[in-house]
Structure formats: structure tokens, C-alpha cells
Amino acid sequence: MATVSAFVLAFGAAYFMHHRQFKGKRLLETVFLLPLILPPTVIGLYALIVLGNNGIGGLLPITILFTKQANVIASALAAFPLIYQTIRLGLKQLDAEWYEAGRGWSMSRINRKRHVLLGPVHQLN
């Protein structure tokens, strides 16, 4: 469950970061990759603060500390930067010409993205 949730979040984040230009993009990417740089104890401390008895500074009245849900969140947090970086580099490899070639084939925008993104994956089988 942690891997699936980390993959979905990382794919969405990598896709967004690949196709958008905005101020603060480097800062946001740095935040995404922080779990790779910081020691595991620091990440664990931040997860403990967020998932603890008071939630985020007492704003959330939920307690999931030491539950299966907290385990999934912590595992997804550890896996997210690795999956994000892999997907981001994979999207960088895709040629912009592939997207434009789909226009020549009169594909809709969604079909174009689906064939360009999933086409190479389908070829591996």
C-alpha cells in the first residue's frame, strides 16, 4: 500500500514538475528530495510531530501514531523521493517531438499523452 501511494503521489508530482514552469520550482523540488538528504532520525522526528497525539500543532484532532496507517505514511515518505527522482528522469528522456507527432495523427490531448507516456512501457512486455 505504501509503494502504491508513493508511486501515485510521485508520478503526479513528477508530471507536474516536468510540465510546469513557476517561481519556487527548485525550492519545491528540494523539499521533495529532502528525505534523501536528511538522516532518517530527523525524518522520523518530523513524522512523529505530524502524526503524534496533537497532529499538526494541535490543528488536527486525529491520532494515528503507532498504527498501520502511520506505518504506511512513513514508508511512503521514505520511498517518495526515490520514485519521484526515477519518474522525473524518465519523463525528461521523452522527446517533445513525440508529443507533437501525436498532433499529426489527430489524437486528442489525453490520447497523445497516454500513448507517449505509456507507449515505451508497453513495448517492454
Foldseek 3Di string as FASTA:
>chain_A
DLVVVLLVVLLVVLVPLLPDDDPCSVVVLCVQQVLVVDDPVVVVVVLCCQQDCCHPVVPDNDHQPPHVVSVSVSSSSNCNSVSNVVNNVVVVPQDPVQLVVVVVVVDDNVVSCCCSVCVVVVVVD
